Protein backbone atom coordinates (compact mmCIF):
# COMPACT_ATOMS: atom_id res chain seq x y z
CA MET A 1 74.48 83.15 212.48
CA GLU A 2 75.69 79.53 212.17
CA GLY A 3 73.02 76.79 212.32
CA GLU A 4 72.98 73.98 214.82
CA GLY A 5 75.36 71.16 213.80
CA SER A 6 77.26 73.35 211.43
CA ILE A 7 81.07 73.37 211.30
CA ASN A 8 83.62 75.66 209.77
CA ILE A 9 86.35 74.68 207.28
CA SER A 10 89.01 74.36 209.98
CA GLU A 11 86.92 71.96 211.97
CA LEU A 12 86.05 69.92 208.86
CA SER A 13 89.79 69.77 208.07
CA ARG A 14 90.52 68.55 211.61
CA LYS A 15 87.80 65.91 211.61
CA THR A 16 88.71 64.53 208.19
CA GLY A 17 92.53 65.03 207.98
CA ALA A 18 92.01 66.91 204.72
CA SER A 19 94.01 70.07 204.33
CA LEU A 20 92.24 73.46 203.98
CA ARG A 21 93.69 73.68 200.44
CA SER A 22 92.16 70.25 199.60
CA LEU A 23 88.78 71.23 200.91
CA ARG A 24 88.78 74.39 198.80
CA TYR A 25 89.85 72.36 195.83
CA TYR A 26 87.01 69.90 196.38
CA GLU A 27 84.58 72.81 196.48
CA GLU A 28 86.14 74.26 193.30
CA LYS A 29 85.53 70.93 191.58
CA ALA A 30 81.86 70.85 192.93
CA LEU A 31 82.51 67.84 195.14
CA LEU A 32 81.63 69.76 198.22
CA GLN A 33 78.97 72.43 198.33
CA PRO A 34 79.05 74.25 201.61
CA ALA A 35 76.62 77.01 202.46
CA ARG A 36 78.02 80.51 202.46
CA LEU A 37 77.32 82.83 205.33
CA ASP A 38 76.71 86.53 204.93
CA ASN A 39 80.42 87.14 205.78
CA GLY A 40 81.50 84.75 203.05
CA TYR A 41 82.58 81.98 205.44
CA ARG A 42 81.89 78.41 204.42
CA GLU A 43 79.43 76.47 206.53
CA TYR A 44 79.54 72.70 206.53
CA ASP A 45 77.41 70.13 208.26
CA GLU A 46 78.06 66.64 209.49
CA SER A 47 77.25 65.05 206.08
CA HIS A 48 80.32 66.83 204.62
CA ILE A 49 82.57 64.80 206.88
CA GLU A 50 81.44 61.57 205.23
CA GLN A 51 81.68 63.21 201.73
CA VAL A 52 85.29 64.23 202.40
CA ARG A 53 86.15 60.69 203.62
CA ILE A 54 84.67 59.22 200.47
CA ILE A 55 86.58 61.68 198.30
CA LYS A 56 89.85 60.76 200.09
CA LEU A 57 89.09 57.08 199.64
CA TYR A 58 88.61 57.50 195.92
CA PHE A 59 91.94 59.42 195.67
CA SER A 60 93.63 56.68 197.70
CA LEU A 61 92.37 54.20 195.08
CA GLY A 62 94.11 56.17 192.38
CA LEU A 63 91.05 57.77 190.82
CA THR A 64 91.55 61.06 189.06
CA ILE A 65 89.60 64.15 189.91
CA LYS A 66 87.75 63.78 186.60
CA GLU A 67 86.76 60.14 187.40
CA ILE A 68 85.58 61.17 190.80
CA THR A 69 83.60 64.16 189.63
CA ASP A 70 82.03 62.11 186.89
CA PHE A 71 80.21 59.90 189.36
CA PHE A 72 80.72 61.26 192.88
CA HIS A 73 77.16 62.49 193.21
CA CYS A 74 75.92 58.92 192.60
CA THR A 75 77.39 58.03 195.93
CA ILE A 76 75.73 60.86 197.89
CA SER A 77 72.43 61.60 196.13
CA ARG A 78 69.74 59.06 195.39
CA GLU A 79 68.01 61.52 193.05
CA ILE A 80 70.54 61.43 190.20
CA GLN A 81 71.88 57.96 190.82
CA ARG A 82 70.36 56.22 187.75
CA GLN A 83 71.75 58.62 185.14
CA CYS A 84 75.33 58.39 186.30
CA LEU A 85 75.47 54.75 187.46
CA PRO A 86 76.68 53.38 184.07
CA ASN A 87 79.73 55.65 184.24
CA ALA A 88 80.29 54.88 187.96
CA ILE A 89 80.15 51.12 187.14
CA ASP A 90 82.58 51.52 184.24
CA VAL A 91 85.10 53.45 186.33
CA GLY A 92 84.68 51.08 189.25
CA GLU A 93 85.25 47.97 187.02
CA ARG A 94 88.34 49.45 185.46
CA LYS A 95 89.72 50.37 188.89
CA LEU A 96 88.87 46.98 190.34
CA GLU A 97 90.78 45.27 187.47
CA GLU A 98 93.76 47.59 188.04
CA ILE A 99 93.69 46.78 191.78
CA LYS A 100 93.59 43.01 191.08
CA LYS A 101 96.69 43.38 188.85
CA GLN A 102 98.45 45.32 191.55
CA ILE A 103 97.57 42.63 194.10
CA GLU A 104 98.93 39.94 191.74
CA THR A 105 102.17 41.94 191.27
CA LEU A 106 102.51 42.36 195.00
CA ARG A 107 101.98 38.68 195.64
CA LYS A 108 104.69 37.83 193.12
CA ALA A 109 107.01 40.31 194.87
CA GLU A 110 106.15 38.89 198.22
CA SER A 111 106.84 35.32 197.08
CA HIS A 112 110.14 36.38 195.46
CA LEU A 113 111.27 38.20 198.59
CA GLU A 114 110.30 35.31 200.87
CA GLU A 115 112.35 32.90 198.69
CA SER A 116 115.27 35.31 198.75
CA LEU A 117 115.20 35.76 202.47
CA SER A 118 114.96 32.03 202.99
CA SER A 119 117.94 31.48 200.69
CA TRP A 120 120.00 34.21 202.30
CA ARG A 121 119.24 32.79 205.82
CA GLU A 122 120.33 29.41 204.62
CA VAL A 123 123.67 30.81 203.34
CA LEU A 124 124.24 32.43 206.73
CA ARG A 125 123.26 29.24 208.64
CA LYS A 126 125.63 27.15 206.55
CA GLY A 127 128.41 29.68 207.02
CA GLU A 128 127.93 29.66 210.76
CA GLU A 129 127.97 25.79 210.78
CA GLN A 130 131.34 25.80 208.93
CA ASN A 131 132.83 28.23 211.39
CA GLU A 132 132.00 26.10 214.36
């Protein structure tokens, strides 16, 4: 019988926006560890919702499954935090540097596009003035 506050995989999927396939993959990679009922069904609790959100955030930052599995448990378990923090810091610093480079590239693209738009609008404005 399901415990109080437990949720099934479909409900976890609905609450997090993660597909059933993704949730099973996270379990396969030991990022999620649901209880198993006698009938083999997975049983999640409310803490798994936050875990899935963290996993999705890391994927959205461009981390690989290996990078995530290497330090994921640092983010959810205080017990093993010290032993995996150096790796988590290393991955985090590398990703932060990559993000900063992406931001710089985007700022340059933004500036170039703003200049181009301004120039194109000026050409149109001058053309309209000549036609008047």
